[in-house]
Amino acid sequence: MNRRGLLKAGLSAVVLCAAFAAQAALTAVTPACAASVANPTWSDCAGAFSGNDKNQQADVLATLLTEFGLTGVLFQGASDDAANGPFTGNSGEATGTMAFDVAIDSPFVLSLKAGNAFSLFYFDGAGAPISSIDFTTLGVSVNPNGAGNGLSHASVYAAPPVAAIPEPHTLLLMLAGLGAIGF
């Protein structure tokens, strides 16, 4: 193959890679994410995006890096999972309160999905741990009358919980207990 043929092949590969990358990115739609989470106040938001966050997790994680600078976060579950994932329930309403099984005290992202769209809300972990969030889907998906569509599910993206390391006196008590059982 001559230089011209190699150049054409290289350009074709670049065009194909660019087309693939463009298809892989999240597609922005209206409305904008602002004003969807009322209490506590989020630090930043992104979206709305077309589709379902659970079906586009690689692209969601890439967006969390580019939009919020988050690394090491993973999908932790959704309110429509078995046993409601990290939530106590799934409201299904256009406004309501999502309560967590356990309060979150580190940075995380809440994804709200309604209609055929979802928005991402970043909480920086500053302040008191968050045990519930009041929301509206107005920044996710609205019907022709301008009212928010019902919530399909909420998802949490956060760093995996770190296993607690027992303190030295706890280890000594455990070893003493095992010794007593062995005796």
Protein backbone atom coordinates (compact mmCIF):
# COMPACT_ATOMS: atom_id res chain seq x y z
CA MET A 1 0.00 0.00 0.00
CA ASN A 2 1.39 3.43 -0.93
CA ARG A 3 1.46 6.56 1.27
CA ARG A 4 -1.77 7.89 -0.17
CA GLY A 5 -3.53 4.59 0.62
CA LEU A 6 -2.14 4.58 4.17
CA LEU A 7 -3.25 8.18 4.66
CA LYS A 8 -6.79 7.36 3.48
CA ALA A 9 -6.95 4.30 5.73
CA GLY A 10 -5.71 6.33 8.71
CA LEU A 11 -8.24 9.11 8.09
CA SER A 12 -11.04 6.58 7.73
CA ALA A 13 -10.09 5.04 11.07
CA VAL A 14 -10.08 8.47 12.75
CA VAL A 15 -13.52 9.29 11.30
CA LEU A 16 -14.93 5.94 12.46
CA CYS A 17 -13.49 6.40 15.96
CA ALA A 18 -14.92 9.92 16.16
CA ALA A 19 -18.34 8.69 15.01
CA PHE A 20 -18.27 5.89 17.61
CA ALA A 21 -17.25 8.31 20.38
CA ALA A 22 -20.05 10.70 19.40
CA GLN A 23 -22.59 7.87 19.61
CA ALA A 24 -21.28 6.80 23.02
CA ALA A 25 -21.71 10.21 24.69
CA LEU A 26 -24.86 11.20 26.57
CA THR A 27 -27.39 13.18 24.54
CA ALA A 28 -28.53 16.42 26.18
CA VAL A 29 -32.26 17.22 26.09
CA THR A 30 -34.50 19.83 27.68
CA PRO A 31 -35.34 20.84 30.35
CA ALA A 32 -32.11 21.80 32.13
CA CYS A 33 -31.42 20.13 35.47
CA ALA A 34 -31.69 23.28 37.62
CA ALA A 35 -34.36 23.37 40.35
CA SER A 36 -35.03 19.63 40.56
CA VAL A 37 -33.68 18.92 44.03
CA ALA A 38 -34.99 21.26 46.69
CA ASN A 39 -33.48 20.11 49.97
CA PRO A 40 -30.63 19.68 50.65
CA THR A 41 -29.07 21.91 48.03
CA TRP A 42 -26.91 20.18 45.45
CA SER A 43 -23.48 21.58 44.51
CA ASP A 44 -23.78 21.14 40.74
CA CYS A 45 -25.97 19.38 38.19
CA ALA A 46 -25.80 18.08 34.61
CA GLY A 47 -28.55 17.15 32.19
CA ALA A 48 -31.16 16.38 31.35
CA PHE A 49 -29.92 13.52 29.17
CA SER A 50 -31.93 11.24 26.92
CA GLY A 51 -32.60 7.65 27.97
CA ASN A 52 -31.93 5.72 31.17
CA ASP A 53 -28.83 6.18 33.35
CA LYS A 54 -28.80 2.48 34.22
CA ASN A 55 -28.40 1.53 30.52
CA GLN A 56 -25.60 4.07 29.93
CA GLN A 57 -23.44 3.64 33.01
CA ALA A 58 -20.06 3.92 31.24
CA ASP A 59 -21.14 7.24 29.72
CA VAL A 60 -22.62 8.40 33.04
CA LEU A 61 -19.33 7.65 34.83
CA ALA A 62 -17.40 9.54 32.11
CA THR A 63 -19.77 12.50 32.57
CA LEU A 64 -19.25 12.41 36.35
CA LEU A 65 -15.52 12.79 35.69
CA THR A 66 -15.82 15.59 33.12
CA GLU A 67 -18.66 17.54 34.78
CA PHE A 68 -17.86 17.10 38.48
CA GLY A 69 -14.27 15.80 38.56
CA LEU A 70 -15.34 12.60 40.34
CA THR A 71 -13.15 9.51 40.10
CA GLY A 72 -13.56 6.15 41.79
CA VAL A 73 -17.35 6.36 41.92
CA LEU A 74 -19.55 3.43 40.97
CA PHE A 75 -23.25 2.75 40.54
CA GLN A 76 -24.47 1.87 44.05
CA GLY A 77 -28.07 0.99 43.20
CA ALA A 78 -31.44 2.44 42.26
CA SER A 79 -34.81 2.87 43.91
CA ASP A 80 -36.43 0.45 41.43
CA ASP A 81 -33.94 -2.35 42.24
CA ALA A 82 -34.93 -5.27 44.45
CA ALA A 83 -35.45 -3.97 47.99
CA ASN A 84 -35.18 -0.40 46.60
CA GLY A 85 -31.37 -0.41 46.40
CA PRO A 86 -29.88 2.22 48.75
CA PHE A 87 -33.30 3.86 49.28
CA THR A 88 -36.20 3.08 51.60
CA GLY A 89 -38.67 3.19 48.69
CA ASN A 90 -39.46 4.51 45.20
CA SER A 91 -42.03 7.31 45.16
CA GLY A 92 -43.01 7.25 41.47
CA GLU A 93 -44.33 10.80 41.86
CA ALA A 94 -43.22 14.02 40.17
CA THR A 95 -42.35 15.51 43.58
CA GLY A 96 -41.51 13.85 46.83
CA THR A 97 -38.82 12.75 49.23
CA MET A 98 -36.28 10.00 48.60
CA ALA A 99 -34.92 8.58 51.88
CA PHE A 100 -31.66 6.63 52.06
CA ASP A 101 -31.24 3.38 54.02
CA VAL A 102 -28.07 4.90 55.50
CA ALA A 103 -27.15 8.60 55.59
CA ILE A 104 -24.43 9.56 53.09
CA ASP A 105 -21.57 11.73 54.36
CA SER A 106 -19.22 11.72 51.36
CA PRO A 107 -19.47 13.12 47.82
CA PHE A 108 -22.08 11.38 45.66
CA VAL A 109 -24.29 11.91 42.62
CA LEU A 110 -28.03 11.36 42.56
CA SER A 111 -29.58 10.56 39.20
CA LEU A 112 -33.30 11.19 38.79
CA LYS A 113 -35.03 9.47 35.85
CA ALA A 114 -38.49 10.50 34.66
CA GLY A 115 -40.11 10.02 31.26
CA ASN A 116 -37.31 9.27 28.78
CA ALA A 117 -34.65 11.42 30.46
CA PHE A 118 -32.45 11.69 33.54
CA SER A 119 -30.46 14.42 35.27
CA LEU A 120 -27.41 14.15 37.54
CA PHE A 121 -27.11 16.06 40.84
CA TYR A 122 -23.76 16.33 42.62
CA PHE A 123 -23.57 16.58 46.41
CA ASP A 124 -20.09 17.49 47.67
CA GLY A 125 -20.30 15.74 51.06
CA ALA A 126 -19.76 18.94 53.04
CA GLY A 127 -21.95 19.53 56.06
CA ALA A 128 -24.17 17.06 57.85
CA PRO A 129 -24.74 13.55 56.42
CA ILE A 130 -27.69 13.40 54.03
CA SER A 131 -30.46 10.97 54.96
CA SER A 132 -33.16 12.15 52.53
CA ILE A 133 -33.63 14.42 49.53
CA ASP A 134 -36.71 16.39 48.52
CA PHE A 135 -37.04 16.46 44.74
CA THR A 136 -39.11 17.49 41.76
CA THR A 137 -38.72 16.14 38.22
CA LEU A 138 -39.15 19.59 36.61
CA GLY A 139 -35.43 19.57 35.73
CA VAL A 140 -35.61 16.07 34.28
CA SER A 141 -38.71 15.59 32.12
CA VAL A 142 -41.93 17.55 31.74
CA ASN A 143 -45.21 16.81 29.98
CA PRO A 144 -46.77 19.13 27.33
CA ASN A 145 -48.50 21.11 30.10
CA GLY A 146 -45.13 21.85 31.79
CA ALA A 147 -45.72 19.55 34.76
CA GLY A 148 -43.00 17.12 35.80
CA ASN A 149 -43.36 13.48 34.75
CA GLY A 150 -43.49 10.83 37.48
CA LEU A 151 -40.18 9.54 38.82
CA SER A 152 -39.16 6.23 37.27
CA HIS A 153 -36.24 5.77 39.67
CA ALA A 154 -33.41 7.49 41.50
CA SER A 155 -29.86 6.11 41.35
CA VAL A 156 -26.81 6.75 43.52
CA TYR A 157 -23.26 6.96 42.17
CA ALA A 158 -20.65 7.09 44.95
CA ALA A 159 -17.31 5.70 46.02
CA PRO A 160 -17.61 2.17 47.39
CA PRO A 161 -17.91 2.09 51.19
CA VAL A 162 -14.61 1.50 52.94
CA ALA A 163 -14.58 -1.49 55.28
CA ALA A 164 -13.94 -0.48 58.87
CA ILE A 165 -10.61 -1.55 60.32
CA PRO A 166 -10.95 -2.75 63.91
CA GLU A 167 -8.99 -0.86 66.55
CA PRO A 168 -6.17 -2.76 68.32
CA HIS A 169 -8.13 -3.30 71.55
CA THR A 170 -11.02 -4.76 69.53
CA LEU A 171 -8.63 -7.23 67.87
CA LEU A 172 -7.24 -8.24 71.28
CA LEU A 173 -10.76 -8.89 72.60
CA MET A 174 -11.57 -10.97 69.49
CA LEU A 175 -8.38 -13.02 69.91
CA ALA A 176 -9.12 -13.52 73.61
CA GLY A 177 -12.63 -14.69 72.75
CA LEU A 178 -11.32 -17.13 70.12
CA GLY A 179 -8.74 -18.40 72.64
CA ALA A 180 -11.45 -18.97 75.22
CA ILE A 181 -13.57 -20.85 72.70
CA GLY A 182 -10.56 -22.96 71.69
CA PHE A 183 -9.75 -23.72 75.35
